[in-house]
Amino acid sequence: QVQVVESGGGLVQPGGSLRLSCKVSGNINSMSGTGWYRQPPGKQREIVALINLAGTMDYIDRVKGRFILSRADAKNEMYMQMSSLPPEDTAVYYCYKDHNLKRFWGQGTQVTVSS
């Protein structure tokens, strides 16, 4: 059974930084696709950043230059370093992991950017 667990969310002031972590457990291919979505209050879930099968990282324009993905395959962990956070980045952030043509989701971690 594949499990995805996010951590690292919290309250941060505008302009601040946070690092989200995504831990995947189970018998999975560490090189399969993974990434982050987010759901701002009252809005639909949207893709934020991803690592595809080839290991290429991609970001939506609104976070390019501010969010950076990294991974520790030996630990089945993936991270997203977020910096220069404005209030508009407030959302629940969800990590996903693709495995055997299925997408597994975490429960989400709340990020609140507010003074």
Protein backbone atom coordinates (compact mmCIF):
# COMPACT_ATOMS: atom_id res chain seq x y z
CA GLN A 1 0.00 0.00 0.00
CA VAL A 2 1.35 3.41 -0.99
CA GLN A 3 1.07 6.19 1.56
CA VAL A 4 1.87 9.85 1.02
CA VAL A 5 2.37 12.16 3.98
CA GLU A 6 3.05 15.90 3.78
CA SER A 7 4.56 18.03 6.51
CA GLY A 8 6.09 21.44 7.00
CA GLY A 9 3.09 23.71 6.62
CA GLY A 10 2.31 26.50 9.03
CA LEU A 11 1.85 30.21 9.51
CA VAL A 12 4.43 32.50 7.97
CA GLN A 13 4.63 36.24 7.47
CA PRO A 14 4.56 37.75 3.97
CA GLY A 15 8.01 37.54 2.45
CA GLY A 16 8.88 34.54 4.58
CA SER A 17 9.87 30.99 3.68
CA LEU A 18 8.72 27.45 4.35
CA ARG A 19 9.88 24.02 3.29
CA LEU A 20 7.28 21.38 2.65
CA SER A 21 8.19 17.72 2.81
CA CYS A 22 6.50 14.76 1.15
CA LYS A 23 7.26 11.28 2.44
CA VAL A 24 6.18 8.27 0.40
CA SER A 25 6.08 4.80 1.87
CA GLY A 26 5.38 1.47 0.23
CA ASN A 27 6.90 -0.53 -2.60
CA ILE A 28 7.13 2.22 -5.19
CA ASN A 29 9.29 3.37 -8.02
CA SER A 30 11.09 6.40 -6.66
CA MET A 31 11.60 7.74 -10.18
CA SER A 32 7.90 7.93 -11.06
CA GLY A 33 6.11 11.24 -11.32
CA THR A 34 5.47 13.32 -8.23
CA GLY A 35 4.55 16.87 -7.40
CA TRP A 36 2.46 19.38 -5.52
CA TYR A 37 -1.00 20.82 -5.93
CA ARG A 38 -2.62 23.46 -3.78
CA GLN A 39 -6.14 24.58 -3.02
CA PRO A 40 -6.57 28.20 -1.91
CA PRO A 41 -9.64 29.05 0.21
CA GLY A 42 -12.78 29.00 -1.92
CA LYS A 43 -10.91 28.02 -5.08
CA GLN A 44 -10.20 24.90 -7.06
CA ARG A 45 -7.14 22.75 -6.62
CA GLU A 46 -4.30 23.72 -8.95
CA ILE A 47 -0.96 22.26 -9.92
CA VAL A 48 2.04 24.06 -8.43
CA ALA A 49 5.13 22.07 -9.34
CA LEU A 50 6.05 18.61 -10.52
CA ILE A 51 8.82 16.18 -11.31
CA ASN A 52 8.02 14.01 -14.30
CA LEU A 53 9.20 10.50 -15.20
CA ALA A 54 12.32 11.88 -16.82
CA GLY A 55 13.19 13.78 -13.66
CA THR A 56 12.42 17.14 -15.22
CA MET A 57 11.07 19.73 -12.79
CA ASP A 58 8.44 22.23 -13.82
CA TYR A 59 6.62 25.04 -12.06
CA ILE A 60 3.65 27.26 -12.71
CA ASP A 61 4.65 30.78 -13.65
CA ARG A 62 3.43 32.30 -10.40
CA VAL A 63 5.95 30.35 -8.34
CA LYS A 64 8.92 30.18 -10.72
CA GLY A 65 12.00 31.55 -9.06
CA ARG A 66 10.39 31.33 -5.62
CA PHE A 67 9.66 27.60 -5.22
CA ILE A 68 12.33 24.95 -5.64
CA LEU A 69 11.80 21.20 -5.73
CA SER A 70 14.33 18.68 -4.54
CA ARG A 71 14.27 15.00 -3.74
CA ALA A 72 16.02 12.43 -1.60
CA ASP A 73 15.29 9.18 -3.42
CA ALA A 74 17.03 7.00 -0.87
CA LYS A 75 14.50 8.23 1.69
CA ASN A 76 11.54 8.39 -0.74
CA GLU A 77 11.17 12.03 0.14
CA MET A 78 10.55 15.12 -1.93
CA TYR A 79 10.71 18.72 -0.80
CA MET A 80 9.46 22.07 -1.94
CA GLN A 81 11.32 25.11 -0.67
CA MET A 82 9.05 28.14 -0.84
CA SER A 83 10.35 31.67 -0.45
CA SER A 84 9.17 35.28 -0.80
CA LEU A 85 5.70 34.11 0.09
CA PRO A 86 2.82 36.55 -0.52
CA PRO A 87 -0.64 36.09 1.07
CA GLU A 88 -1.87 34.68 -2.27
CA ASP A 89 0.14 31.51 -1.61
CA THR A 90 -2.15 30.66 1.29
CA ALA A 91 -3.62 27.24 0.56
CA VAL A 92 -3.71 23.61 1.52
CA TYR A 93 -0.79 21.98 -0.27
CA TYR A 94 -1.13 18.40 -1.45
CA CYS A 95 1.63 16.07 -2.53
CA TYR A 96 1.01 13.28 -4.99
CA LYS A 97 2.94 10.25 -6.17
CA ASP A 98 2.24 8.28 -9.32
CA HIS A 99 2.64 4.51 -9.17
CA ASN A 100 1.39 1.76 -11.49
CA LEU A 101 -0.85 4.15 -13.42
CA LYS A 102 -2.49 5.37 -10.22
CA ARG A 103 -2.05 8.68 -8.39
CA PHE A 104 -1.75 8.60 -4.63
CA TRP A 105 -2.44 11.72 -2.57
CA GLY A 106 -1.49 12.94 0.83
CA GLN A 107 -3.90 14.50 3.27
CA GLY A 108 -2.58 18.02 2.70
CA THR A 109 -0.72 20.54 4.79
CA GLN A 110 -1.98 24.05 5.47
CA VAL A 111 0.20 27.01 4.51
CA THR A 112 -1.01 30.39 5.74
CA VAL A 113 0.81 33.56 4.73
CA SER A 114 -0.35 36.41 6.92
CA SER A 115 0.94 39.18 9.12
